[in-house]
Amino acid sequence: MKNQTLGTSGPDFLQYVLNRGPWKLGGGEATVNATGWNAAGGYGVVWVPSMRMVVNLGDLDKSRWINLTGASGHAYSSHYVDQTDKWAEGELLEWAYSDKAVEASTGDTLLLKP
């Protein structure tokens, strides 16, 4: 995964901090596990979905999702790529929707006051 801002042509240190991987991936453009590659440039994967989601409209608390990276865009956060291994394996995470489900799954709360 290359950060598209400074991870492709920024200073070496920033590329080291921002970029992660590689991961071995299967799939193809016409599959459920959509990934893309350019045969002219080799067979390395060059695009992937940034998020996967399965929504259960009968019970939203039974829905599942996952991000390509993690819950944080900060390179030093433990959540920067904490979902990527699961994403690469095709796993999905529970998606708490109702107030009750959110309360039950909450580990930390951030309260912002003006």
PDB file of N, CA and C in Angstrom:
ATOM      1  N   MET A   1       0.847  -1.175   0.000  1.00  0.00           N
ATOM      2  CA  MET A   1       0.000   0.000   0.000  1.00  0.00           C
ATOM      3  C   MET A   1       0.886   1.230   0.000  1.00  0.00           C
ATOM      4  N   LYS A   2       0.669   2.055  -0.979  1.00  0.00           N
ATOM      5  CA  LYS A   2       1.437   3.285  -1.067  1.00  0.00           C
ATOM      6  C   LYS A   2       0.523   4.475  -0.837  1.00  0.00           C
ATOM      7  N   ASN A   3       0.911   5.321   0.089  1.00  0.00           N
ATOM      8  CA  ASN A   3       0.187   6.554   0.341  1.00  0.00           C
ATOM      9  C   ASN A   3       0.261   7.402  -0.925  1.00  0.00           C
ATOM     10  N   GLN A   4      -0.881   7.841  -1.425  1.00  0.00           N
ATOM     11  CA  GLN A   4      -0.907   8.536  -2.707  1.00  0.00           C
ATOM     12  C   GLN A   4      -0.485   9.995  -2.627  1.00  0.00           C
ATOM     13  N   THR A   5      -0.280  10.527  -1.440  1.00  0.00           N
ATOM     14  CA  THR A   5       0.167  11.906  -1.324  1.00  0.00           C
ATOM     15  C   THR A   5       1.683  11.993  -1.370  1.00  0.00           C
ATOM     16  N   LEU A   6       2.358  11.407  -0.399  1.00  0.00           N
ATOM     17  CA  LEU A   6       3.817  11.487  -0.340  1.00  0.00           C
ATOM     18  C   LEU A   6       4.491  10.115  -0.404  1.00  0.00           C
ATOM     19  N   GLY A   7       3.706   9.061  -0.464  1.00  0.00           N
ATOM     20  CA  GLY A   7       4.267   7.718  -0.445  1.00  0.00           C
ATOM     21  C   GLY A   7       4.816   7.242  -1.765  1.00  0.00           C
ATOM     22  N   THR A   8       4.526   7.968  -2.842  1.00  0.00           N
ATOM     23  CA  THR A   8       5.021   7.538  -4.146  1.00  0.00           C
ATOM     24  C   THR A   8       6.234   8.340  -4.602  1.00  0.00           C
ATOM     25  N   SER A   9       6.370   9.573  -4.135  1.00  0.00           N
ATOM     26  CA  SER A   9       7.501  10.378  -4.607  1.00  0.00           C
ATOM     27  C   SER A   9       8.030  11.335  -3.540  1.00  0.00           C
ATOM     28  N   GLY A  10       7.639  11.132  -2.300  1.00  0.00           N
ATOM     29  CA  GLY A  10       8.135  11.987  -1.225  1.00  0.00           C
ATOM     30  C   GLY A  10       9.515  11.549  -0.766  1.00  0.00           C
ATOM     31  N   PRO A  11      10.061  12.238   0.224  1.00  0.00           N
ATOM     32  CA  PRO A  11      11.355  11.834   0.785  1.00  0.00           C
ATOM     33  C   PRO A  11      11.315  10.384   1.278  1.00  0.00           C
ATOM     34  N   ASP A  12      12.453   9.691   1.212  1.00  0.00           N
ATOM     35  CA  ASP A  12      12.522   8.273   1.595  1.00  0.00           C
ATOM     36  C   ASP A  12      11.950   8.016   2.979  1.00  0.00           C
ATOM     37  N   PHE A  13      12.250   8.898   3.946  1.00  0.00           N
ATOM     38  CA  PHE A  13      11.748   8.700   5.300  1.00  0.00           C
ATOM     39  C   PHE A  13      10.221   8.701   5.322  1.00  0.00           C
ATOM     40  N   LEU A  14       9.582   9.632   4.597  1.00  0.00           N
ATOM     41  CA  LEU A  14       8.117   9.679   4.564  1.00  0.00           C
ATOM     42  C   LEU A  14       7.539   8.449   3.868  1.00  0.00           C
ATOM     43  N   GLN A  15       8.193   8.004   2.816  1.00  0.00           N
ATOM     44  CA  GLN A  15       7.716   6.791   2.160  1.00  0.00           C
ATOM     45  C   GLN A  15       7.778   5.608   3.129  1.00  0.00           C
ATOM     46  N   TYR A  16       8.852   5.516   3.908  1.00  0.00           N
ATOM     47  CA  TYR A  16       9.003   4.452   4.901  1.00  0.00           C
ATOM     48  C   TYR A  16       7.899   4.523   5.959  1.00  0.00           C
ATOM     49  N   VAL A  17       7.588   5.730   6.428  1.00  0.00           N
ATOM     50  CA  VAL A  17       6.591   5.914   7.484  1.00  0.00           C
ATOM     51  C   VAL A  17       5.177   5.662   6.973  1.00  0.00           C
ATOM     52  N   LEU A  18       4.858   6.116   5.778  1.00  0.00           N
ATOM     53  CA  LEU A  18       3.482   6.087   5.278  1.00  0.00           C
ATOM     54  C   LEU A  18       3.096   4.791   4.564  1.00  0.00           C
ATOM     55  N   ASN A  19       4.021   4.149   3.905  1.00  0.00           N
ATOM     56  CA  ASN A  19       3.692   2.978   3.094  1.00  0.00           C
ATOM     57  C   ASN A  19       3.758   1.694   3.915  1.00  0.00           C
ATOM     58  N   ARG A  20       2.940   0.716   3.545  1.00  0.00           N
ATOM     59  CA  ARG A  20       2.906  -0.573   4.225  1.00  0.00           C
ATOM     60  C   ARG A  20       2.839  -1.685   3.185  1.00  0.00           C
ATOM     61  N   GLY A  21       3.194  -2.882   3.621  1.00  0.00           N
ATOM     62  CA  GLY A  21       3.039  -4.039   2.764  1.00  0.00           C
ATOM     63  C   GLY A  21       4.377  -4.523   2.249  1.00  0.00           C
ATOM     64  N   PRO A  22       4.375  -5.412   1.328  1.00  0.00           N
ATOM     65  CA  PRO A  22       3.249  -5.849   0.502  1.00  0.00           C
ATOM     66  C   PRO A  22       2.455  -6.998   1.125  1.00  0.00           C
ATOM     67  N   TRP A  23       1.269  -7.226   0.595  1.00  0.00           N
ATOM     68  CA  TRP A  23       0.412  -8.352   0.936  1.00  0.00           C
ATOM     69  C   TRP A  23       0.180  -9.148  -0.333  1.00  0.00           C
ATOM     70  N   LYS A  24       0.095 -10.458  -0.208  1.00  0.00           N
ATOM     71  CA  LYS A  24      -0.242 -11.292  -1.364  1.00  0.00           C
ATOM     72  C   LYS A  24      -1.758 -11.318  -1.492  1.00  0.00           C
ATOM     73  N   LEU A  25      -2.251 -10.999  -2.686  1.00  0.00           N
ATOM     74  CA  LEU A  25      -3.688 -10.917  -2.916  1.00  0.00           C
ATOM     75  C   LEU A  25      -4.081 -11.699  -4.159  1.00  0.00           C
ATOM     76  N   GLY A  26      -5.235 -12.313  -4.100  1.00  0.00           N
ATOM     77  CA  GLY A  26      -5.821 -12.943  -5.273  1.00  0.00           C
ATOM     78  C   GLY A  26      -6.959 -12.073  -5.774  1.00  0.00           C
ATOM     79  N   GLY A  27      -7.810 -12.660  -6.574  1.00  0.00           N
ATOM     80  CA  GLY A  27      -8.967 -11.932  -7.077  1.00  0.00           C
ATOM     81  C   GLY A  27      -8.750 -11.447  -8.489  1.00  0.00           C
ATOM     82  N   GLY A  28      -9.631 -10.610  -8.936  1.00  0.00           N
ATOM     83  CA  GLY A  28      -9.563 -10.057 -10.280  1.00  0.00           C
ATOM     84  C   GLY A  28     -10.676  -9.044 -10.459  1.00  0.00           C
ATOM     85  N   GLU A  29     -10.687  -8.390 -11.603  1.00  0.00           N
ATOM     86  CA  GLU A  29     -11.672  -7.337 -11.844  1.00  0.00           C
ATOM     87  C   GLU A  29     -13.101  -7.862 -11.937  1.00  0.00           C
ATOM     88  N   ALA A  30     -13.285  -9.113 -12.300  1.00  0.00           N
ATOM     89  CA  ALA A  30     -14.623  -9.658 -12.497  1.00  0.00           C
ATOM     90  C   ALA A  30     -15.019 -10.636 -11.392  1.00  0.00           C
ATOM     91  N   THR A  31     -14.408 -10.520 -10.223  1.00  0.00           N
ATOM     92  CA  THR A  31     -14.712 -11.423  -9.115  1.00  0.00           C
ATOM     93  C   THR A  31     -15.266 -10.653  -7.936  1.00  0.00           C
ATOM     94  N   VAL A  32     -15.840 -11.379  -6.999  1.00  0.00           N
ATOM     95  CA  VAL A  32     -16.338 -10.751  -5.782  1.00  0.00           C
ATOM     96  C   VAL A  32     -15.185 -10.120  -5.010  1.00  0.00           C
ATOM     97  N   ASN A  33     -14.056 -10.787  -4.988  1.00  0.00           N
ATOM     98  CA  ASN A  33     -12.856 -10.261  -4.329  1.00  0.00           C
ATOM     99  C   ASN A  33     -12.119  -9.367  -5.332  1.00  0.00           C
ATOM    100  N   ALA A  34     -12.727  -8.228  -5.650  1.00  0.00           N
ATOM    101  CA  ALA A  34     -12.242  -7.368  -6.736  1.00  0.00           C
ATOM    102  C   ALA A  34     -10.861  -6.797  -6.440  1.00  0.00           C
ATOM    103  N   THR A  35      -9.944  -7.038  -7.360  1.00  0.00           N
ATOM    104  CA  THR A  35      -8.619  -6.421  -7.358  1.00  0.00           C
ATOM    105  C   THR A  35      -8.256  -6.174  -8.816  1.00  0.00           C
ATOM    106  N   GLY A  36      -7.327  -5.279  -9.057  1.00  0.00           N
ATOM    107  CA  GLY A  36      -6.962  -5.001 -10.435  1.00  0.00           C
ATOM    108  C   GLY A  36      -5.463  -4.946 -10.617  1.00  0.00           C
ATOM    109  N   TRP A  37      -5.015  -5.271 -11.801  1.00  0.00           N
ATOM    110  CA  TRP A  37      -3.603  -5.246 -12.135  1.00  0.00           C
ATOM    111  C   TRP A  37      -3.465  -4.832 -13.586  1.00  0.00           C
ATOM    112  N   ASN A  38      -2.265  -4.446 -13.959  1.00  0.00           N
ATOM    113  CA  ASN A  38      -1.979  -4.004 -15.310  1.00  0.00           C
ATOM    114  C   ASN A  38      -0.939  -4.941 -15.894  1.00  0.00           C
ATOM    115  N   ALA A  39      -1.338  -5.772 -16.843  1.00  0.00           N
ATOM    116  CA  ALA A  39      -0.428  -6.772 -17.414  1.00  0.00           C
ATOM    117  C   ALA A  39       0.796  -6.133 -18.061  1.00  0.00           C
ATOM    118  N   ALA A  40       0.652  -4.927 -18.564  1.00  0.00           N
ATOM    119  CA  ALA A  40       1.793  -4.246 -19.184  1.00  0.00           C
ATOM    120  C   ALA A  40       2.853  -3.891 -18.148  1.00  0.00           C
ATOM    121  N   GLY A  41       2.435  -3.739 -16.896  1.00  0.00           N
ATOM    122  CA  GLY A  41       3.373  -3.373 -15.838  1.00  0.00           C
ATOM    123  C   GLY A  41       3.700  -4.522 -14.913  1.00  0.00           C
ATOM    124  N   GLY A  42       3.332  -5.742 -15.269  1.00  0.00           N
ATOM    125  CA  GLY A  42       3.539  -6.892 -14.404  1.00  0.00           C
ATOM    126  C   GLY A  42       2.212  -7.332 -13.826  1.00  0.00           C
ATOM    127  N   TYR A  43       2.259  -8.276 -12.926  1.00  0.00           N
ATOM    128  CA  TYR A  43       1.026  -8.817 -12.382  1.00  0.00           C
ATOM    129  C   TYR A  43       0.785  -8.413 -10.934  1.00  0.00           C
ATOM    130  N   GLY A  44       1.479  -7.396 -10.466  1.00  0.00           N
ATOM    131  CA  GLY A  44       1.236  -6.886  -9.129  1.00  0.00           C
ATOM    132  C   GLY A  44      -0.103  -6.165  -9.071  1.00  0.00           C
ATOM    133  N   VAL A  45      -0.814  -6.315  -7.981  1.00  0.00           N
ATOM    134  CA  VAL A  45      -2.109  -5.647  -7.806  1.00  0.00           C
ATOM    135  C   VAL A  45      -1.880  -4.146  -7.679  1.00  0.00           C
ATOM    136  N   VAL A  46      -2.618  -3.360  -8.469  1.00  0.00           N
ATOM    137  CA  VAL A  46      -2.454  -1.910  -8.451  1.00  0.00           C
ATOM    138  C   VAL A  46      -3.684  -1.173  -7.952  1.00  0.00           C
ATOM    139  N   TRP A  47      -4.827  -1.860  -7.841  1.00  0.00           N
ATOM    140  CA  TRP A  47      -5.985  -1.229  -7.210  1.00  0.00           C
ATOM    141  C   TRP A  47      -6.824  -2.285  -6.506  1.00  0.00           C
ATOM    142  N   VAL A  48      -7.455  -1.833  -5.424  1.00  0.00           N
ATOM    143  CA  VAL A  48      -8.299  -2.690  -4.598  1.00  0.00           C
ATOM    144  C   VAL A  48      -9.437  -1.848  -4.040  1.00  0.00           C
ATOM    145  N   PRO A  49     -10.518  -2.468  -3.574  1.00  0.00           N
ATOM    146  CA  PRO A  49     -11.559  -1.695  -2.906  1.00  0.00           C
ATOM    147  C   PRO A  49     -11.063  -1.228  -1.543  1.00  0.00           C
ATOM    148  N   SER A  50     -11.355   0.006  -1.188  1.00  0.00           N
ATOM    149  CA  SER A  50     -10.878   0.533   0.090  1.00  0.00           C
ATOM    150  C   SER A  50     -11.740   0.071   1.256  1.00  0.00           C
ATOM    151  N   MET A  51     -12.915  -0.457   0.962  1.00  0.00           N
ATOM    152  CA  MET A  51     -13.822  -0.916   2.021  1.00  0.00           C
ATOM    153  C   MET A  51     -14.727  -1.993   1.443  1.00  0.00           C
ATOM    154  N   ARG A  52     -15.053  -2.960   2.271  1.00  0.00           N
ATOM    155  CA  ARG A  52     -16.042  -3.976   1.904  1.00  0.00           C
ATOM    156  C   ARG A  52     -17.159  -3.929   2.935  1.00  0.00           C
ATOM    157  N   MET A  53     -18.384  -4.153   2.492  1.00  0.00           N
ATOM    158  CA  MET A  53     -19.515  -4.078   3.414  1.00  0.00           C
ATOM    159  C   MET A  53     -20.619  -5.024   2.945  1.00  0.00           C
ATOM    160  N   VAL A  54     -21.207  -5.730   3.899  1.00  0.00           N
ATOM    161  CA  VAL A  54     -22.396  -6.537   3.659  1.00  0.00           C
ATOM    162  C   VAL A  54     -23.445  -6.020   4.621  1.00  0.00           C
ATOM    163  N   VAL A  55     -24.530  -5.464   4.095  1.00  0.00           N
ATOM    164  CA  VAL A  55     -25.561  -4.848   4.926  1.00  0.00           C
ATOM    165  C   VAL A  55     -26.773  -5.761   5.002  1.00  0.00           C
ATOM    166  N   ASN A  56     -27.198  -6.079   6.221  1.00  0.00           N
ATOM    167  CA  ASN A  56     -28.393  -6.865   6.471  1.00  0.00           C
ATOM    168  C   ASN A  56     -29.529  -5.881   6.734  1.00  0.00           C
ATOM    169  N   LEU A  57     -30.374  -5.649   5.752  1.00  0.00           N
ATOM    170  CA  LEU A  57     -31.440  -4.661   5.903  1.00  0.00           C
ATOM    171  C   LEU A  57     -32.527  -5.124   6.867  1.00  0.00           C
ATOM    172  N   GLY A  58     -32.585  -6.412   7.160  1.00  0.00           N
ATOM    173  CA  GLY A  58     -33.548  -6.934   8.121  1.00  0.00           C
ATOM    174  C   GLY A  58     -33.115  -6.692   9.562  1.00  0.00           C
ATOM    175  N   ASP A  59     -31.806  -6.608   9.801  1.00  0.00           N
ATOM    176  CA  ASP A  59     -31.260  -6.363  11.132  1.00  0.00           C
ATOM    177  C   ASP A  59     -29.884  -5.732  10.947  1.00  0.00           C
ATOM    178  N   LEU A  60     -29.838  -4.415  10.976  1.00  0.00           N
ATOM    179  CA  LEU A  60     -28.592  -3.708  10.687  1.00  0.00           C
ATOM    180  C   LEU A  60     -27.453  -4.096  11.619  1.00  0.00           C
ATOM    181  N   ASP A  61     -27.757  -4.546  12.835  1.00  0.00           N
ATOM    182  CA  ASP A  61     -26.705  -4.980  13.755  1.00  0.00           C
ATOM    183  C   ASP A  61     -26.017  -6.268  13.302  1.00  0.00           C
ATOM    184  N   LYS A  62     -26.579  -6.960  12.328  1.00  0.00           N
ATOM    185  CA  LYS A  62     -25.953  -8.160  11.774  1.00  0.00           C
ATOM    186  C   LYS A  62     -25.125  -7.841  10.532  1.00  0.00           C
ATOM    187  N   SER A  63     -24.999  -6.571  10.194  1.00  0.00           N
ATOM    188  CA  SER A  63     -24.184  -6.157   9.054  1.00  0.00           C
ATOM    189  C   SER A  63     -22.706  -6.319   9.386  1.00  0.00           C
ATOM    190  N   ARG A  64     -21.882  -6.410   8.345  1.00  0.00           N
ATOM    191  CA  ARG A  64     -20.441  -6.586   8.509  1.00  0.00           C
ATOM    192  C   ARG A  64     -19.716  -5.643   7.561  1.00  0.00           C
ATOM    193  N   TRP A  65     -18.491  -5.259   7.912  1.00  0.00           N
ATOM    194  CA  TRP A  65     -17.698  -4.353   7.086  1.00  0.00           C
ATOM    195  C   TRP A  65     -16.231  -4.458   7.446  1.00  0.00           C
ATOM    196  N   ILE A  66     -15.375  -3.880   6.615  1.00  0.00           N
ATOM    197  CA  ILE A  66     -13.950  -3.774   6.933  1.00  0.00           C
ATOM    198  C   ILE A  66     -13.320  -2.704   6.033  1.00  0.00           C
ATOM    199  N   ASN A  67     -12.359  -1.979   6.578  1.00  0.00           N
ATOM    200  CA  ASN A  67     -11.569  -1.011   5.814  1.00  0.00           C
ATOM    201  C   ASN A  67     -10.306  -1.690   5.299  1.00  0.00           C
ATOM    202  N   LEU A  68      -9.764  -1.176   4.231  1.00  0.00           N
ATOM    203  CA  LEU A  68      -8.489  -1.670   3.716  1.00  0.00           C
ATOM    204  C   LEU A  68      -7.369  -1.431   4.720  1.00  0.00           C
ATOM    205  N   THR A  69      -7.362  -0.287   5.330  1.00  0.00           N
ATOM    206  CA  THR A  69      -6.269   0.047   6.244  1.00  0.00           C
ATOM    207  C   THR A  69      -6.719  -0.144   7.679  1.00  0.00           C
ATOM    208  N   GLY A  70      -7.176   0.888   8.294  1.00  0.00           N
ATOM    209  CA  GLY A  70      -7.620   0.830   9.676  1.00  0.00           C
ATOM    210  C   GLY A  70      -8.493   2.025   9.983  1.00  0.00           C
ATOM    211  N   ALA A  71      -8.659   2.288  11.260  1.00  0.00           N
ATOM    212  CA  ALA A  71      -9.546   3.359  11.681  1.00  0.00           C
ATOM    213  C   ALA A  71      -8.826   4.692  11.851  1.00  0.00           C
ATOM    214  N   SER A  72      -7.535   4.734  11.578  1.00  0.00           N
ATOM    215  CA  SER A  72      -6.785   5.971  11.755  1.00  0.00           C
ATOM    216  C   SER A  72      -5.955   6.272  10.513  1.00  0.00           C
ATOM    217  N   GLY A  73      -5.845   7.540  10.178  1.00  0.00           N
ATOM    218  CA  GLY A  73      -4.975   7.967   9.098  1.00  0.00           C
ATOM    219  C   GLY A  73      -3.617   8.426   9.596  1.00  0.00           C
ATOM    220  N   HIS A  74      -3.374   8.284  10.894  1.00  0.00           N
ATOM    221  CA  HIS A  74      -2.107   8.707  11.502  1.00  0.00           C
ATOM    222  C   HIS A  74      -1.133   7.539  11.465  1.00  0.00           C
ATOM    223  N   ALA A  75       0.003   7.720  10.789  1.00  0.00           N
ATOM    224  CA  ALA A  75       0.949   6.621  10.558  1.00  0.00           C
ATOM    225  C   ALA A  75       1.501   5.994  11.823  1.00  0.00           C
ATOM    226  N   TYR A  76       1.526   6.719  12.940  1.00  0.00           N
ATOM    227  CA  TYR A  76       2.058   6.161  14.188  1.00  0.00           C
ATOM    228  C   TYR A  76       0.972   5.567  15.082  1.00  0.00           C
ATOM    229  N   SER A  77      -0.274   5.621  14.655  1.00  0.00           N
ATOM    230  CA  SER A  77      -1.365   5.050  15.437  1.00  0.00           C
ATOM    231  C   SER A  77      -1.367   3.527  15.297  1.00  0.00           C
ATOM    232  N   SER A  78      -1.738   2.845  16.361  1.00  0.00           N
ATOM    233  CA  SER A  78      -1.867   1.379  16.282  1.00  0.00           C
ATOM    234  C   SER A  78      -3.035   0.984  15.383  1.00  0.00           C
ATOM    235  N   HIS A  79      -3.879   1.939  15.018  1.00  0.00           N
ATOM    236  CA  HIS A  79      -5.037   1.667  14.160  1.00  0.00           C
ATOM    237  C   HIS A  79      -4.800   2.068  12.701  1.00  0.00           C
ATOM    238  N   TYR A  80      -3.548   2.399  12.328  1.00  0.00           N
ATOM    239  CA  TYR A  80      -3.234   2.834  10.966  1.00  0.00           C
ATOM    240  C   TYR A  80      -3.501   1.720   9.949  1.00  0.00           C
ATOM    241  N   VAL A  81      -3.082   0.512  10.246  1.00  0.00           N
ATOM    242  CA  VAL A  81      -3.327  -0.636   9.354  1.00  0.00           C
ATOM    243  C   VAL A  81      -3.808  -1.854  10.152  1.00  0.00           C
ATOM    244  N   ASP A  82      -4.547  -1.612  11.216  1.00  0.00           N
ATOM    245  CA  ASP A  82      -4.949  -2.730  12.078  1.00  0.00           C
ATOM    246  C   ASP A  82      -6.024  -3.628  11.468  1.00  0.00           C
ATOM    247  N   GLN A  83      -6.592  -3.254  10.322  1.00  0.00           N
ATOM    248  CA  GLN A  83      -7.587  -4.101   9.666  1.00  0.00           C
ATOM    249  C   GLN A  83      -7.056  -4.754   8.387  1.00  0.00           C
ATOM    250  N   THR A  84      -5.864  -4.392   7.960  1.00  0.00           N
ATOM    251  CA  THR A  84      -5.376  -4.820   6.652  1.00  0.00           C
ATOM    252  C   THR A  84      -5.182  -6.330   6.538  1.00  0.00           C
ATOM    253  N   ASP A  85      -4.607  -6.967   7.539  1.00  0.00           N
ATOM    254  CA  ASP A  85      -4.429  -8.424   7.461  1.00  0.00           C
ATOM    255  C   ASP A  85      -5.786  -9.121   7.344  1.00  0.00           C
ATOM    256  N   LYS A  86      -6.749  -8.686   8.122  1.00  0.00           N
ATOM    257  CA  LYS A  86      -8.091  -9.268   8.044  1.00  0.00           C
ATOM    258  C   LYS A  86      -8.715  -8.983   6.682  1.00  0.00           C
ATOM    259  N   TRP A  87      -8.537  -7.756   6.176  1.00  0.00           N
ATOM    260  CA  TRP A  87      -9.049  -7.379   4.859  1.00  0.00           C
ATOM    261  C   TRP A  87      -8.462  -8.303   3.787  1.00  0.00           C
ATOM    262  N   ALA A  88      -7.150  -8.534   3.833  1.00  0.00           N
ATOM    263  CA  ALA A  88      -6.479  -9.370   2.838  1.00  0.00           C
ATOM    264  C   ALA A  88      -6.965 -10.822   2.897  1.00  0.00           C
ATOM    265  N   GLU A  89      -7.374 -11.279   4.072  1.00  0.00           N
ATOM    266  CA  GLU A  89      -7.889 -12.645   4.236  1.00  0.00           C
ATOM    267  C   GLU A  89      -9.375 -12.757   3.908  1.00  0.00           C
ATOM    268  N   GLY A  90     -10.031 -11.632   3.608  1.00  0.00           N
ATOM    269  CA  GLY A  90     -11.458 -11.647   3.280  1.00  0.00           C
ATOM    270  C   GLY A  90     -12.367 -11.631   4.490  1.00  0.00           C
ATOM    271  N   GLU A  91     -11.827 -11.338   5.665  1.00  0.00           N
ATOM    272  CA  GLU A  91     -12.647 -11.290   6.879  1.00  0.00           C
ATOM    273  C   GLU A  91     -13.444  -9.989   6.944  1.00  0.00           C
ATOM    274  N   LEU A  92     -14.520 -10.006   7.688  1.00  0.00           N
ATOM    275  CA  LEU A  92     -15.335  -8.818   7.935  1.00  0.00           C
ATOM    276  C   LEU A  92     -15.507  -8.643   9.438  1.00  0.00           C
ATOM    277  N   LEU A  93     -15.719  -7.416   9.860  1.00  0.00           N
ATOM    278  CA  LEU A  93     -15.921  -7.093  11.272  1.00  0.00           C
ATOM    279  C   LEU A  93     -17.390  -6.785  11.536  1.00  0.00           C
ATOM    280  N   GLU A  94     -17.817  -7.011  12.768  1.00  0.00           N
ATOM    281  CA  GLU A  94     -19.186  -6.656  13.139  1.00  0.00           C
ATOM    282  C   GLU A  94     -19.356  -5.151  13.033  1.00  0.00           C
ATOM    283  N   TRP A  95     -20.562  -4.744  12.667  1.00  0.00           N
ATOM    284  CA  TRP A  95     -20.859  -3.323  12.511  1.00  0.00           C
ATOM    285  C   TRP A  95     -22.026  -2.979  13.444  1.00  0.00           C
ATOM    286  N   ALA A  96     -21.699  -2.517  14.617  1.00  0.00           N
ATOM    287  CA  ALA A  96     -22.731  -2.130  15.582  1.00  0.00           C
ATOM    288  C   ALA A  96     -23.498  -0.932  15.031  1.00  0.00           C
ATOM    289  N   TYR A  97     -24.817  -1.030  15.011  1.00  0.00           N
ATOM    290  CA  TYR A  97     -25.630   0.048  14.437  1.00  0.00           C
ATOM    291  C   TYR A  97     -26.575   0.670  15.455  1.00  0.00           C
ATOM    292  N   SER A  98     -27.347  -0.165  16.127  1.00  0.00           N
ATOM    293  CA  SER A  98     -28.337   0.369  17.079  1.00  0.00           C
ATOM    294  C   SER A  98     -27.619   0.957  18.296  1.00  0.00           C
ATOM    295  N   ASP A  99     -28.311   1.840  19.010  1.00  0.00           N
ATOM    296  CA  ASP A  99     -27.729   2.432  20.222  1.00  0.00           C
ATOM    297  C   ASP A  99     -27.267   1.354  21.195  1.00  0.00           C
ATOM    298  N   LYS A 100     -28.069   0.315  21.362  1.00  0.00           N
ATOM    299  CA  LYS A 100     -27.733  -0.774  22.288  1.00  0.00           C
ATOM    300  C   LYS A 100     -26.462  -1.501  21.844  1.00  0.00           C
ATOM    301  N   ALA A 101     -26.362  -1.796  20.552  1.00  0.00           N
ATOM    302  CA  ALA A 101     -25.186  -2.502  20.039  1.00  0.00           C
ATOM    303  C   ALA A 101     -23.936  -1.626  20.113  1.00  0.00           C
ATOM    304  N   VAL A 102     -24.087  -0.339  19.840  1.00  0.00           N
ATOM    305  CA  VAL A 102     -22.946   0.573  19.927  1.00  0.00           C
ATOM    306  C   VAL A 102     -22.462   0.662  21.365  1.00  0.00           C
ATOM    307  N   GLU A 103     -23.383   0.803  22.299  1.00  0.00           N
ATOM    308  CA  GLU A 103     -23.011   0.886  23.721  1.00  0.00           C
ATOM    309  C   GLU A 103     -22.296  -0.389  24.168  1.00  0.00           C
ATOM    310  N   ALA A 104     -22.791  -1.545  23.726  1.00  0.00           N
ATOM    311  CA  ALA A 104     -22.200  -2.822  24.131  1.00  0.00           C
ATOM    312  C   ALA A 104     -20.800  -3.023  23.547  1.00  0.00           C
ATOM    313  N   SER A 105     -20.529  -2.439  22.389  1.00  0.00           N
ATOM    314  CA  SER A 105     -19.237  -2.664  21.740  1.00  0.00           C
ATOM    315  C   SER A 105     -18.241  -1.523  21.959  1.00  0.00           C
ATOM    316  N   THR A 106     -18.642  -0.486  22.667  1.00  0.00           N
ATOM    317  CA  THR A 106     -17.768   0.680  22.865  1.00  0.00           C
ATOM    318  C   THR A 106     -16.663   0.362  23.859  1.00  0.00           C
ATOM    319  N   GLY A 107     -15.421   0.646  23.441  1.00  0.00           N
ATOM    320  CA  GLY A 107     -14.271   0.469  24.332  1.00  0.00           C
ATOM    321  C   GLY A 107     -13.772   1.794  24.881  1.00  0.00           C
ATOM    322  N   ASP A 108     -13.846   2.826  24.066  1.00  0.00           N
ATOM    323  CA  ASP A 108     -13.379   4.155  24.448  1.00  0.00           C
ATOM    324  C   ASP A 108     -14.384   5.188  23.953  1.00  0.00           C
ATOM    325  N   THR A 109     -14.459   6.305  24.670  1.00  0.00           N
ATOM    326  CA  THR A 109     -15.344   7.396  24.281  1.00  0.00           C
ATOM    327  C   THR A 109     -14.541   8.685  24.271  1.00  0.00           C
ATOM    328  N   LEU A 110     -14.687   9.449  23.223  1.00  0.00           N
ATOM    329  CA  LEU A 110     -14.053  10.758  23.114  1.00  0.00           C
ATOM    330  C   LEU A 110     -15.160  11.798  23.201  1.00  0.00           C
ATOM    331  N   LEU A 111     -15.073  12.666  24.180  1.00  0.00           N
ATOM    332  CA  LEU A 111     -16.064  13.726  24.368  1.00  0.00           C
ATOM    333  C   LEU A 111     -15.414  15.053  24.032  1.00  0.00           C
ATOM    334  N   LEU A 112     -15.940  15.737  23.037  1.00  0.00           N
ATOM    335  CA  LEU A 112     -15.413  17.040  22.630  1.00  0.00           C
ATOM    336  C   LEU A 112     -16.339  18.127  23.145  1.00  0.00           C
ATOM    337  N   LYS A 113     -15.776  19.099  23.819  1.00  0.00           N
ATOM    338  CA  LYS A 113     -16.569  20.223  24.333  1.00  0.00           C
ATOM    339  C   LYS A 113     -16.024  21.517  23.732  1.00  0.00           C
ATOM    340  N   PRO A 114     -16.931  22.421  23.324  1.00  0.00           N
ATOM    341  CA  PRO A 114     -16.461  23.679  22.754  1.00  0.00           C
ATOM    342  C   PRO A 114     -15.781  24.550  23.791  1.00  0.00           C
TER     343      PRO A 114
END
